[in-house]
Amino acid sequence: VGPVQCGQYLFPSGKNDGYAIAATYKDYSRENEPLGTAMESCPAGKHQVLSFIRWQHNLKFQVLKQKKEQIHQATVNHWLSGFVGLLENCFTLCYLYQRSLYNFEMIMCILSIGLYS
């Protein structure tokens, strides 16, 4: 579905209608991979366009997708490790409080130092 400029990436339309749309990686926010690269231009509307299918741009798309997943996983792991560490500290302090090794004011002081460091 046009308009299509020569060299633009072709992505599935997402409507299961057998058509592709021309877009850039920045313009196309879905997780679909590009189908190919347009080798000719055409005006707006539905047209047949000569294209390279699964050309080298697919490698760039895979690398970008992999980097995005790695950043997401690193962010999740960092958040979880901090949360687990905080839980461990809370359970330790609750255990110590239960055993009457620390009084309540001392535990609150330790917690406030841990939260602001």
PDB file of N, CA and C in Angstrom:
ATOM      1  N   VAL A   1       0.864  -1.171   0.000  1.00  0.00           N
ATOM      2  CA  VAL A   1       0.000   0.000   0.000  1.00  0.00           C
ATOM      3  C   VAL A   1       0.908   1.230   0.000  1.00  0.00           C
ATOM      4  N   GLY A   2       0.775   2.059  -1.012  1.00  0.00           N
ATOM      5  CA  GLY A   2       1.663   3.192  -1.219  1.00  0.00           C
ATOM      6  C   GLY A   2       1.246   4.415  -0.436  1.00  0.00           C
ATOM      7  N   PRO A   3       1.964   5.477  -0.561  1.00  0.00           N
ATOM      8  CA  PRO A   3       3.085   5.658  -1.461  1.00  0.00           C
ATOM      9  C   PRO A   3       4.340   4.935  -0.973  1.00  0.00           C
ATOM     10  N   VAL A   4       5.167   4.518  -1.924  1.00  0.00           N
ATOM     11  CA  VAL A   4       6.398   3.792  -1.628  1.00  0.00           C
ATOM     12  C   VAL A   4       7.537   4.465  -2.383  1.00  0.00           C
ATOM     13  N   GLN A   5       8.636   4.697  -1.687  1.00  0.00           N
ATOM     14  CA  GLN A   5       9.838   5.242  -2.307  1.00  0.00           C
ATOM     15  C   GLN A   5      10.855   4.119  -2.454  1.00  0.00           C
ATOM     16  N   CYS A   6      11.624   4.157  -3.516  1.00  0.00           N
ATOM     17  CA  CYS A   6      12.659   3.150  -3.735  1.00  0.00           C
ATOM     18  C   CYS A   6      13.620   3.149  -2.544  1.00  0.00           C
ATOM     19  N   GLY A   7      13.891   1.969  -2.000  1.00  0.00           N
ATOM     20  CA  GLY A   7      14.799   1.829  -0.854  1.00  0.00           C
ATOM     21  C   GLY A   7      14.097   1.741   0.484  1.00  0.00           C
ATOM     22  N   GLN A   8      12.803   2.004   0.534  1.00  0.00           N
ATOM     23  CA  GLN A   8      12.076   1.918   1.801  1.00  0.00           C
ATOM     24  C   GLN A   8      11.864   0.460   2.186  1.00  0.00           C
ATOM     25  N   TYR A   9      11.779   0.227   3.491  1.00  0.00           N
ATOM     26  CA  TYR A   9      11.491  -1.114   4.005  1.00  0.00           C
ATOM     27  C   TYR A   9      10.002  -1.403   3.868  1.00  0.00           C
ATOM     28  N   LEU A  10       9.678  -2.647   3.604  1.00  0.00           N
ATOM     29  CA  LEU A  10       8.293  -3.083   3.498  1.00  0.00           C
ATOM     30  C   LEU A  10       7.962  -3.967   4.687  1.00  0.00           C
ATOM     31  N   PHE A  11       6.910  -3.614   5.402  1.00  0.00           N
ATOM     32  CA  PHE A  11       6.463  -4.360   6.573  1.00  0.00           C
ATOM     33  C   PHE A  11       5.077  -4.929   6.305  1.00  0.00           C
ATOM     34  N   PRO A  12       4.710  -6.039   6.965  1.00  0.00           N
ATOM     35  CA  PRO A  12       3.345  -6.544   6.818  1.00  0.00           C
ATOM     36  C   PRO A  12       2.343  -5.486   7.276  1.00  0.00           C
ATOM     37  N   SER A  13       1.192  -5.432   6.602  1.00  0.00           N
ATOM     38  CA  SER A  13       0.190  -4.428   6.959  1.00  0.00           C
ATOM     39  C   SER A  13      -0.420  -4.712   8.326  1.00  0.00           C
ATOM     40  N   GLY A  14      -0.381  -5.971   8.776  1.00  0.00           N
ATOM     41  CA  GLY A  14      -0.953  -6.337  10.070  1.00  0.00           C
ATOM     42  C   GLY A  14      -2.423  -6.680   9.997  1.00  0.00           C
ATOM     43  N   LYS A  15      -2.987  -6.670   8.806  1.00  0.00           N
ATOM     44  CA  LYS A  15      -4.415  -6.960   8.636  1.00  0.00           C
ATOM     45  C   LYS A  15      -4.660  -8.343   8.035  1.00  0.00           C
ATOM     46  N   ASN A  16      -3.584  -9.122   7.858  1.00  0.00           N
ATOM     47  CA  ASN A  16      -3.671 -10.448   7.232  1.00  0.00           C
ATOM     48  C   ASN A  16      -4.344 -10.385   5.867  1.00  0.00           C
ATOM     49  N   ASP A  17      -4.028  -9.332   5.115  1.00  0.00           N
ATOM     50  CA  ASP A  17      -4.632  -9.160   3.799  1.00  0.00           C
ATOM     51  C   ASP A  17      -3.646  -9.381   2.654  1.00  0.00           C
ATOM     52  N   GLY A  18      -2.410  -9.754   2.990  1.00  0.00           N
ATOM     53  CA  GLY A  18      -1.413 -10.013   1.962  1.00  0.00           C
ATOM     54  C   GLY A  18      -0.691  -8.778   1.465  1.00  0.00           C
ATOM     55  N   TYR A  19      -0.978  -7.615   2.038  1.00  0.00           N
ATOM     56  CA  TYR A  19      -0.346  -6.377   1.617  1.00  0.00           C
ATOM     57  C   TYR A  19       0.771  -5.993   2.571  1.00  0.00           C
ATOM     58  N   ALA A  20       1.676  -5.177   2.051  1.00  0.00           N
ATOM     59  CA  ALA A  20       2.759  -4.626   2.863  1.00  0.00           C
ATOM     60  C   ALA A  20       2.659  -3.111   2.822  1.00  0.00           C
ATOM     61  N   ILE A  21       3.233  -2.482   3.832  1.00  0.00           N
ATOM     62  CA  ILE A  21       3.275  -1.020   3.864  1.00  0.00           C
ATOM     63  C   ILE A  21       4.727  -0.582   3.919  1.00  0.00           C
ATOM     64  N   ALA A  22       5.005   0.579   3.380  1.00  0.00           N
ATOM     65  CA  ALA A  22       6.356   1.132   3.397  1.00  0.00           C
ATOM     66  C   ALA A  22       6.525   1.964   4.660  1.00  0.00           C
ATOM     67  N   ALA A  23       7.606   1.723   5.375  1.00  0.00           N
ATOM     68  CA  ALA A  23       7.867   2.472   6.605  1.00  0.00           C
ATOM     69  C   ALA A  23       9.340   2.344   6.955  1.00  0.00           C
ATOM     70  N   THR A  24       9.789   3.188   7.873  1.00  0.00           N
ATOM     71  CA  THR A  24      11.136   3.063   8.423  1.00  0.00           C
ATOM     72  C   THR A  24      11.034   2.361   9.758  1.00  0.00           C
ATOM     73  N   TYR A  25      12.171   1.965  10.306  1.00  0.00           N
ATOM     74  CA  TYR A  25      12.154   1.312  11.620  1.00  0.00           C
ATOM     75  C   TYR A  25      11.576   2.243  12.670  1.00  0.00           C
ATOM     76  N   LYS A  26      11.868   3.530  12.561  1.00  0.00           N
ATOM     77  CA  LYS A  26      11.373   4.492  13.554  1.00  0.00           C
ATOM     78  C   LYS A  26       9.869   4.688  13.436  1.00  0.00           C
ATOM     79  N   ASP A  27       9.368   4.688  12.197  1.00  0.00           N
ATOM     80  CA  ASP A  27       7.941   4.899  11.978  1.00  0.00           C
ATOM     81  C   ASP A  27       7.120   3.665  12.329  1.00  0.00           C
ATOM     82  N   TYR A  28       7.710   2.511  12.181  1.00  0.00           N
ATOM     83  CA  TYR A  28       6.964   1.268  12.366  1.00  0.00           C
ATOM     84  C   TYR A  28       7.295   0.697  13.730  1.00  0.00           C
ATOM     85  N   SER A  29       6.370   0.815  14.675  1.00  0.00           N
ATOM     86  CA  SER A  29       6.662   0.475  16.066  1.00  0.00           C
ATOM     87  C   SER A  29       6.307  -0.958  16.428  1.00  0.00           C
ATOM     88  N   ARG A  30       5.725  -1.704  15.528  1.00  0.00           N
ATOM     89  CA  ARG A  30       5.362  -3.086  15.854  1.00  0.00           C
ATOM     90  C   ARG A  30       6.597  -3.961  15.900  1.00  0.00           C
ATOM     91  N   GLU A  31       6.423  -5.183  16.384  1.00  0.00           N
ATOM     92  CA  GLU A  31       7.543  -6.110  16.503  1.00  0.00           C
ATOM     93  C   GLU A  31       7.743  -6.948  15.244  1.00  0.00           C
ATOM     94  N   ASN A  32       6.969  -6.690  14.184  1.00  0.00           N
ATOM     95  CA  ASN A  32       7.119  -7.456  12.946  1.00  0.00           C
ATOM     96  C   ASN A  32       8.456  -7.163  12.294  1.00  0.00           C
ATOM     97  N   GLU A  33       9.000  -8.170  11.644  1.00  0.00           N
ATOM     98  CA  GLU A  33      10.234  -7.990  10.896  1.00  0.00           C
ATOM     99  C   GLU A  33       9.902  -7.440   9.515  1.00  0.00           C
ATOM    100  N   PRO A  34      10.819  -6.701   8.909  1.00  0.00           N
ATOM    101  CA  PRO A  34      10.574  -6.223   7.555  1.00  0.00           C
ATOM    102  C   PRO A  34      10.545  -7.382   6.574  1.00  0.00           C
ATOM    103  N   LEU A  35       9.688  -7.278   5.589  1.00  0.00           N
ATOM    104  CA  LEU A  35       9.593  -8.316   4.565  1.00  0.00           C
ATOM    105  C   LEU A  35      10.656  -8.140   3.493  1.00  0.00           C
ATOM    106  N   GLY A  36      10.957  -6.917   3.167  1.00  0.00           N
ATOM    107  CA  GLY A  36      11.908  -6.662   2.105  1.00  0.00           C
ATOM    108  C   GLY A  36      12.157  -5.182   1.921  1.00  0.00           C
ATOM    109  N   THR A  37      12.845  -4.852   0.820  1.00  0.00           N
ATOM    110  CA  THR A  37      13.168  -3.479   0.477  1.00  0.00           C
ATOM    111  C   THR A  37      12.581  -3.173  -0.895  1.00  0.00           C
ATOM    112  N   ALA A  38      11.851  -2.065  -1.000  1.00  0.00           N
ATOM    113  CA  ALA A  38      11.251  -1.677  -2.281  1.00  0.00           C
ATOM    114  C   ALA A  38      12.344  -1.280  -3.259  1.00  0.00           C
ATOM    115  N   MET A  39      12.233  -1.749  -4.495  1.00  0.00           N
ATOM    116  CA  MET A  39      13.213  -1.431  -5.524  1.00  0.00           C
ATOM    117  C   MET A  39      12.662  -0.450  -6.561  1.00  0.00           C
ATOM    118  N   GLU A  40      11.430  -0.010  -6.358  1.00  0.00           N
ATOM    119  CA  GLU A  40      10.838   0.997  -7.232  1.00  0.00           C
ATOM    120  C   GLU A  40       9.856   1.832  -6.429  1.00  0.00           C
ATOM    121  N   SER A  41       9.527   2.981  -6.945  1.00  0.00           N
ATOM    122  CA  SER A  41       8.597   3.896  -6.285  1.00  0.00           C
ATOM    123  C   SER A  41       7.222   3.785  -6.919  1.00  0.00           C
ATOM    124  N   CYS A  42       6.199   4.151  -6.141  1.00  0.00           N
ATOM    125  CA  CYS A  42       4.846   4.206  -6.683  1.00  0.00           C
ATOM    126  C   CYS A  42       4.024   5.191  -5.856  1.00  0.00           C
ATOM    127  N   PRO A  43       2.955   5.736  -6.424  1.00  0.00           N
ATOM    128  CA  PRO A  43       2.118   6.705  -5.691  1.00  0.00           C
ATOM    129  C   PRO A  43       1.219   5.993  -4.678  1.00  0.00           C
ATOM    130  N   ALA A  44       0.383   6.762  -4.019  1.00  0.00           N
ATOM    131  CA  ALA A  44      -0.532   6.214  -3.010  1.00  0.00           C
ATOM    132  C   ALA A  44      -1.477   5.203  -3.654  1.00  0.00           C
ATOM    133  N   GLY A  45      -1.890   4.227  -2.864  1.00  0.00           N
ATOM    134  CA  GLY A  45      -2.818   3.209  -3.346  1.00  0.00           C
ATOM    135  C   GLY A  45      -2.172   1.837  -3.317  1.00  0.00           C
ATOM    136  N   LYS A  46      -2.909   0.846  -3.783  1.00  0.00           N
ATOM    137  CA  LYS A  46      -2.420  -0.533  -3.803  1.00  0.00           C
ATOM    138  C   LYS A  46      -1.741  -0.800  -5.139  1.00  0.00           C
ATOM    139  N   HIS A  47      -0.477  -1.246  -5.073  1.00  0.00           N
ATOM    140  CA  HIS A  47       0.317  -1.506  -6.268  1.00  0.00           C
ATOM    141  C   HIS A  47       1.180  -2.740  -6.041  1.00  0.00           C
ATOM    142  N   GLN A  48       1.626  -3.336  -7.136  1.00  0.00           N
ATOM    143  CA  GLN A  48       2.668  -4.343  -7.058  1.00  0.00           C
ATOM    144  C   GLN A  48       3.990  -3.612  -7.174  1.00  0.00           C
ATOM    145  N   VAL A  49       4.912  -3.936  -6.265  1.00  0.00           N
ATOM    146  CA  VAL A  49       6.196  -3.243  -6.226  1.00  0.00           C
ATOM    147  C   VAL A  49       7.304  -4.280  -6.306  1.00  0.00           C
ATOM    148  N   LEU A  50       8.245  -4.062  -7.214  1.00  0.00           N
ATOM    149  CA  LEU A  50       9.425  -4.910  -7.289  1.00  0.00           C
ATOM    150  C   LEU A  50      10.230  -4.702  -6.011  1.00  0.00           C
ATOM    151  N   SER A  51      10.635  -5.793  -5.348  1.00  0.00           N
ATOM    152  CA  SER A  51      11.358  -5.640  -4.080  1.00  0.00           C
ATOM    153  C   SER A  51      12.303  -6.807  -3.860  1.00  0.00           C
ATOM    154  N   PHE A  52      13.343  -6.536  -3.069  1.00  0.00           N
ATOM    155  CA  PHE A  52      14.206  -7.595  -2.556  1.00  0.00           C
ATOM    156  C   PHE A  52      13.547  -8.112  -1.294  1.00  0.00           C
ATOM    157  N   ILE A  53      13.405  -9.407  -1.183  1.00  0.00           N
ATOM    158  CA  ILE A  53      12.757  -9.985  -0.014  1.00  0.00           C
ATOM    159  C   ILE A  53      13.813 -10.488   0.961  1.00  0.00           C
ATOM    160  N   ARG A  54      13.679 -10.100   2.221  1.00  0.00           N
ATOM    161  CA  ARG A  54      14.595 -10.490   3.300  1.00  0.00           C
ATOM    162  C   ARG A  54      16.049 -10.195   2.951  1.00  0.00           C
ATOM    163  N   TRP A  55      16.300  -8.995   2.538  1.00  0.00           N
ATOM    164  CA  TRP A  55      17.643  -8.589   2.173  1.00  0.00           C
ATOM    165  C   TRP A  55      18.437  -8.289   3.442  1.00  0.00           C
ATOM    166  N   GLN A  56      19.599  -7.721   3.344  1.00  0.00           N
ATOM    167  CA  GLN A  56      20.514  -7.522   4.461  1.00  0.00           C
ATOM    168  C   GLN A  56      19.909  -6.732   5.622  1.00  0.00           C
ATOM    169  N   HIS A  57      18.881  -5.934   5.377  1.00  0.00           N
ATOM    170  CA  HIS A  57      18.290  -5.140   6.460  1.00  0.00           C
ATOM    171  C   HIS A  57      17.737  -6.038   7.556  1.00  0.00           C
ATOM    172  N   ASN A  58      17.400  -7.288   7.239  1.00  0.00           N
ATOM    173  CA  ASN A  58      16.875  -8.182   8.249  1.00  0.00           C
ATOM    174  C   ASN A  58      17.902  -8.407   9.353  1.00  0.00           C
ATOM    175  N   LEU A  59      19.175  -8.471   9.010  1.00  0.00           N
ATOM    176  CA  LEU A  59      20.225  -8.623  10.008  1.00  0.00           C
ATOM    177  C   LEU A  59      20.248  -7.416  10.939  1.00  0.00           C
ATOM    178  N   LYS A  60      20.128  -6.207  10.381  1.00  0.00           N
ATOM    179  CA  LYS A  60      20.083  -5.008  11.227  1.00  0.00           C
ATOM    180  C   LYS A  60      18.883  -5.055  12.159  1.00  0.00           C
ATOM    181  N   PHE A  61      17.742  -5.484  11.647  1.00  0.00           N
ATOM    182  CA  PHE A  61      16.540  -5.561  12.467  1.00  0.00           C
ATOM    183  C   PHE A  61      16.737  -6.553  13.612  1.00  0.00           C
ATOM    184  N   GLN A  62      17.339  -7.706  13.311  1.00  0.00           N
ATOM    185  CA  GLN A  62      17.569  -8.712  14.347  1.00  0.00           C
ATOM    186  C   GLN A  62      18.517  -8.189  15.419  1.00  0.00           C
ATOM    187  N   VAL A  63      19.563  -7.479  15.023  1.00  0.00           N
ATOM    188  CA  VAL A  63      20.515  -6.917  15.993  1.00  0.00           C
ATOM    189  C   VAL A  63      19.820  -5.877  16.870  1.00  0.00           C
ATOM    190  N   LEU A  64      19.017  -4.994  16.258  1.00  0.00           N
ATOM    191  CA  LEU A  64      18.296  -3.986  17.043  1.00  0.00           C
ATOM    192  C   LEU A  64      17.314  -4.640  18.010  1.00  0.00           C
ATOM    193  N   LYS A  65      16.613  -5.667  17.538  1.00  0.00           N
ATOM    194  CA  LYS A  65      15.654  -6.374  18.389  1.00  0.00           C
ATOM    195  C   LYS A  65      16.367  -7.065  19.548  1.00  0.00           C
ATOM    196  N   GLN A  66      17.528  -7.681  19.270  1.00  0.00           N
ATOM    197  CA  GLN A  66      18.291  -8.364  20.311  1.00  0.00           C
ATOM    198  C   GLN A  66      18.816  -7.369  21.344  1.00  0.00           C
ATOM    199  N   LYS A  67      19.312  -6.216  20.892  1.00  0.00           N
ATOM    200  CA  LYS A  67      19.797  -5.199  21.833  1.00  0.00           C
ATOM    201  C   LYS A  67      18.667  -4.701  22.722  1.00  0.00           C
ATOM    202  N   LYS A  68      17.488  -4.497  22.133  1.00  0.00           N
ATOM    203  CA  LYS A  68      16.328  -4.039  22.909  1.00  0.00           C
ATOM    204  C   LYS A  68      15.971  -5.066  23.987  1.00  0.00           C
ATOM    205  N   GLU A  69      15.994  -6.356  23.628  1.00  0.00           N
ATOM    206  CA  GLU A  69      15.685  -7.407  24.590  1.00  0.00           C
ATOM    207  C   GLU A  69      16.745  -7.488  25.685  1.00  0.00           C
ATOM    208  N   GLN A  70      18.029  -7.301  25.324  1.00  0.00           N
ATOM    209  CA  GLN A  70      19.100  -7.326  26.321  1.00  0.00           C
ATOM    210  C   GLN A  70      18.971  -6.173  27.308  1.00  0.00           C
ATOM    211  N   ILE A  71      18.645  -4.995  26.816  1.00  0.00           N
ATOM    212  CA  ILE A  71      18.459  -3.836  27.700  1.00  0.00           C
ATOM    213  C   ILE A  71      17.283  -4.068  28.636  1.00  0.00           C
ATOM    214  N   HIS A  72      16.197  -4.605  28.089  1.00  0.00           N
ATOM    215  CA  HIS A  72      15.015  -4.889  28.918  1.00  0.00           C
ATOM    216  C   HIS A  72      15.363  -5.907  29.998  1.00  0.00           C
ATOM    217  N   GLN A  73      16.065  -6.986  29.624  1.00  0.00           N
ATOM    218  CA  GLN A  73      16.414  -8.021  30.593  1.00  0.00           C
ATOM    219  C   GLN A  73      17.359  -7.490  31.661  1.00  0.00           C
ATOM    220  N   ALA A  74      18.331  -6.662  31.264  1.00  0.00           N
ATOM    221  CA  ALA A  74      19.252  -6.070  32.235  1.00  0.00           C
ATOM    222  C   ALA A  74      18.513  -5.167  33.214  1.00  0.00           C
ATOM    223  N   THR A  75      17.550  -4.399  32.713  1.00  0.00           N
ATOM    224  CA  THR A  75      16.758  -3.523  33.579  1.00  0.00           C
ATOM    225  C   THR A  75      15.942  -4.339  34.575  1.00  0.00           C
ATOM    226  N   VAL A  76      15.306  -5.391  34.098  1.00  0.00           N
ATOM    227  CA  VAL A  76      14.503  -6.246  34.981  1.00  0.00           C
ATOM    228  C   VAL A  76      15.400  -6.907  36.033  1.00  0.00           C
ATOM    229  N   ASN A  77      16.547  -7.434  35.609  1.00  0.00           N
ATOM    230  CA  ASN A  77      17.461  -8.087  36.556  1.00  0.00           C
ATOM    231  C   ASN A  77      17.965  -7.114  37.611  1.00  0.00           C
ATOM    232  N   HIS A  78      18.285  -5.887  37.188  1.00  0.00           N
ATOM    233  CA  HIS A  78      18.771  -4.884  38.146  1.00  0.00           C
ATOM    234  C   HIS A  78      17.685  -4.543  39.166  1.00  0.00           C
ATOM    235  N   TRP A  79      16.475  -4.343  38.683  1.00  0.00           N
ATOM    236  CA  TRP A  79      15.365  -4.020  39.587  1.00  0.00           C
ATOM    237  C   TRP A  79      15.106  -5.160  40.552  1.00  0.00           C
ATOM    238  N   LEU A  80      15.094  -6.394  40.035  1.00  0.00           N
ATOM    239  CA  LEU A  80      14.824  -7.548  40.899  1.00  0.00           C
ATOM    240  C   LEU A  80      15.915  -7.754  41.927  1.00  0.00           C
ATOM    241  N   SER A  81      17.180  -7.567  41.533  1.00  0.00           N
ATOM    242  CA  SER A  81      18.262  -7.765  42.501  1.00  0.00           C
ATOM    243  C   SER A  81      18.170  -6.742  43.625  1.00  0.00           C
ATOM    244  N   GLY A  82      17.828  -5.501  43.308  1.00  0.00           N
ATOM    245  CA  GLY A  82      17.663  -4.491  44.348  1.00  0.00           C
ATOM    246  C   GLY A  82      16.487  -4.799  45.250  1.00  0.00           C
ATOM    247  N   PHE A  83      15.399  -5.271  44.660  1.00  0.00           N
ATOM    248  CA  PHE A  83      14.209  -5.607  45.438  1.00  0.00           C
ATOM    249  C   PHE A  83      14.468  -6.801  46.347  1.00  0.00           C
ATOM    250  N   VAL A  84      15.153  -7.825  45.822  1.00  0.00           N
ATOM    251  CA  VAL A  84      15.465  -9.007  46.628  1.00  0.00           C
ATOM    252  C   VAL A  84      16.389  -8.631  47.779  1.00  0.00           C
ATOM    253  N   GLY A  85      17.369  -7.765  47.514  1.00  0.00           N
ATOM    254  CA  GLY A  85      18.267  -7.317  48.580  1.00  0.00           C
ATOM    255  C   GLY A  85      17.519  -6.577  49.672  1.00  0.00           C
ATOM    256  N   LEU A  86      16.571  -5.743  49.292  1.00  0.00           N
ATOM    257  CA  LEU A  86      15.766  -5.017  50.273  1.00  0.00           C
ATOM    258  C   LEU A  86      14.922  -5.981  51.099  1.00  0.00           C
ATOM    259  N   LEU A  87      14.342  -6.982  50.443  1.00  0.00           N
ATOM    260  CA  LEU A  87      13.554  -7.982  51.172  1.00  0.00           C
ATOM    261  C   LEU A  87      14.406  -8.756  52.157  1.00  0.00           C
ATOM    262  N   GLU A  88      15.610  -9.141  51.737  1.00  0.00           N
ATOM    263  CA  GLU A  88      16.516  -9.861  52.636  1.00  0.00           C
ATOM    264  C   GLU A  88      16.829  -9.023  53.869  1.00  0.00           C
ATOM    265  N   ASN A  89      17.099  -7.740  53.669  1.00  0.00           N
ATOM    266  CA  ASN A  89      17.391  -6.859  54.803  1.00  0.00           C
ATOM    267  C   ASN A  89      16.184  -6.737  55.728  1.00  0.00           C
ATOM    268  N   CYS A  90      15.004  -6.618  55.166  1.00  0.00           N
ATOM    269  CA  CYS A  90      13.792  -6.499  55.988  1.00  0.00           C
ATOM    270  C   CYS A  90      13.551  -7.769  56.795  1.00  0.00           C
ATOM    271  N   PHE A  91      13.715  -8.925  56.153  1.00  0.00           N
ATOM    272  CA  PHE A  91      13.520 -10.184  56.885  1.00  0.00           C
ATOM    273  C   PHE A  91      14.560 -10.352  57.991  1.00  0.00           C
ATOM    274  N   THR A  92      15.791  -9.962  57.711  1.00  0.00           N
ATOM    275  CA  THR A  92      16.841 -10.053  58.732  1.00  0.00           C
ATOM    276  C   THR A  92      16.503  -9.155  59.917  1.00  0.00           C
ATOM    277  N   LEU A  93      16.086  -7.925  59.628  1.00  0.00           N
ATOM    278  CA  LEU A  93      15.753  -7.010  60.717  1.00  0.00           C
ATOM    279  C   LEU A  93      14.527  -7.482  61.500  1.00  0.00           C
ATOM    280  N   CYS A  94      13.551  -8.052  60.814  1.00  0.00           N
ATOM    281  CA  CYS A  94      12.376  -8.592  61.517  1.00  0.00           C
ATOM    282  C   CYS A  94      12.776  -9.751  62.416  1.00  0.00           C
ATOM    283  N   TYR A  95      13.671 -10.586  61.931  1.00  0.00           N
ATOM    284  CA  TYR A  95      14.152 -11.713  62.728  1.00  0.00           C
ATOM    285  C   TYR A  95      14.883 -11.214  63.974  1.00  0.00           C
ATOM    286  N   LEU A  96      15.761 -10.220  63.761  1.00  0.00           N
ATOM    287  CA  LEU A  96      16.499  -9.672  64.909  1.00  0.00           C
ATOM    288  C   LEU A  96      15.569  -8.994  65.906  1.00  0.00           C
ATOM    289  N   TYR A  97      14.551  -8.304  65.404  1.00  0.00           N
ATOM    290  CA  TYR A  97      13.591  -7.647  66.284  1.00  0.00           C
ATOM    291  C   TYR A  97      12.809  -8.687  67.084  1.00  0.00           C
ATOM    292  N   GLN A  98      12.438  -9.767  66.386  1.00  0.00           N
ATOM    293  CA  GLN A  98      11.691 -10.834  67.056  1.00  0.00           C
ATOM    294  C   GLN A  98      12.535 -11.477  68.157  1.00  0.00           C
ATOM    295  N   ARG A  99      13.811 -11.612  67.911  1.00  0.00           N
ATOM    296  CA  ARG A  99      14.699 -12.204  68.904  1.00  0.00           C
ATOM    297  C   ARG A  99      15.116 -11.186  69.958  1.00  0.00           C
ATOM    298  N   SER A 100      14.599  -9.979  69.853  1.00  0.00           N
ATOM    299  CA  SER A 100      14.864  -8.892  70.811  1.00  0.00           C
ATOM    300  C   SER A 100      16.342  -8.519  70.871  1.00  0.00           C
ATOM    301  N   LEU A 101      17.032  -8.660  69.732  1.00  0.00           N
ATOM    302  CA  LEU A 101      18.428  -8.256  69.700  1.00  0.00           C
ATOM    303  C   LEU A 101      18.564  -6.760  69.442  1.00  0.00           C
ATOM    304  N   TYR A 102      17.551  -6.166  68.806  1.00  0.00           N
ATOM    305  CA  TYR A 102      17.533  -4.727  68.555  1.00  0.00           C
ATOM    306  C   TYR A 102      16.172  -4.194  68.985  1.00  0.00           C
ATOM    307  N   ASN A 103      16.174  -2.965  69.421  1.00  0.00           N
ATOM    308  CA  ASN A 103      14.883  -2.363  69.717  1.00  0.00           C
ATOM    309  C   ASN A 103      14.333  -1.685  68.453  1.00  0.00           C
ATOM    310  N   PHE A 104      13.106  -1.269  68.497  1.00  0.00           N
ATOM    311  CA  PHE A 104      12.417  -0.748  67.319  1.00  0.00           C
ATOM    312  C   PHE A 104      13.102   0.501  66.766  1.00  0.00           C
ATOM    313  N   GLU A 105      13.543   1.408  67.628  1.00  0.00           N
ATOM    314  CA  GLU A 105      14.179   2.642  67.166  1.00  0.00           C
ATOM    315  C   GLU A 105      15.479   2.357  66.428  1.00  0.00           C
ATOM    316  N   MET A 106      16.226   1.376  66.893  1.00  0.00           N
ATOM    317  CA  MET A 106      17.483   1.034  66.250  1.00  0.00           C
ATOM    318  C   MET A 106      17.225   0.455  64.849  1.00  0.00           C
ATOM    319  N   ILE A 107      16.183  -0.364  64.730  1.00  0.00           N
ATOM    320  CA  ILE A 107      15.847  -0.957  63.435  1.00  0.00           C
ATOM    321  C   ILE A 107      15.405   0.125  62.459  1.00  0.00           C
ATOM    322  N   MET A 108      14.614   1.089  62.895  1.00  0.00           N
ATOM    323  CA  MET A 108      14.178   2.167  62.024  1.00  0.00           C
ATOM    324  C   MET A 108      15.355   3.005  61.568  1.00  0.00           C
ATOM    325  N   CYS A 109      16.321   3.226  62.451  1.00  0.00           N
ATOM    326  CA  CYS A 109      17.513   3.959  62.091  1.00  0.00           C
ATOM    327  C   CYS A 109      18.314   3.205  61.016  1.00  0.00           C
ATOM    328  N   ILE A 110      18.474   1.889  61.177  1.00  0.00           N
ATOM    329  CA  ILE A 110      19.190   1.068  60.192  1.00  0.00           C
ATOM    330  C   ILE A 110      18.465   1.081  58.865  1.00  0.00           C
ATOM    331  N   LEU A 111      17.125   0.977  58.892  1.00  0.00           N
ATOM    332  CA  LEU A 111      16.362   1.008  57.653  1.00  0.00           C
ATOM    333  C   LEU A 111      16.511   2.343  56.929  1.00  0.00           C
ATOM    334  N   SER A 112      16.459   3.448  57.670  1.00  0.00           N
ATOM    335  CA  SER A 112      16.556   4.757  57.038  1.00  0.00           C
ATOM    336  C   SER A 112      17.936   4.972  56.441  1.00  0.00           C
ATOM    337  N   ILE A 113      18.960   4.474  57.080  1.00  0.00           N
ATOM    338  CA  ILE A 113      20.315   4.590  56.506  1.00  0.00           C
ATOM    339  C   ILE A 113      20.417   3.750  55.247  1.00  0.00           C
ATOM    340  N   GLY A 114      19.843   2.545  55.266  1.00  0.00           N
ATOM    341  CA  GLY A 114      19.885   1.676  54.088  1.00  0.00           C
ATOM    342  C   GLY A 114      19.113   2.233  52.916  1.00  0.00           C
ATOM    343  N   LEU A 115      17.987   2.903  53.166  1.00  0.00           N
ATOM    344  CA  LEU A 115      17.173   3.441  52.080  1.00  0.00           C
ATOM    345  C   LEU A 115      17.807   4.652  51.422  1.00  0.00           C
ATOM    346  N   TYR A 116      18.589   5.430  52.171  1.00  0.00           N
ATOM    347  CA  TYR A 116      19.162   6.656  51.631  1.00  0.00           C
ATOM    348  C   TYR A 116      20.601   6.489  51.180  1.00  0.00           C
ATOM    349  N   SER A 117      21.134   5.278  51.285  1.00  0.00           N
ATOM    350  CA  SER A 117      22.543   5.100  50.838  1.00  0.00           C
ATOM    351  C   SER A 117      22.608   4.589  49.438  1.00  0.00           C
TER     352      SER A 117
END
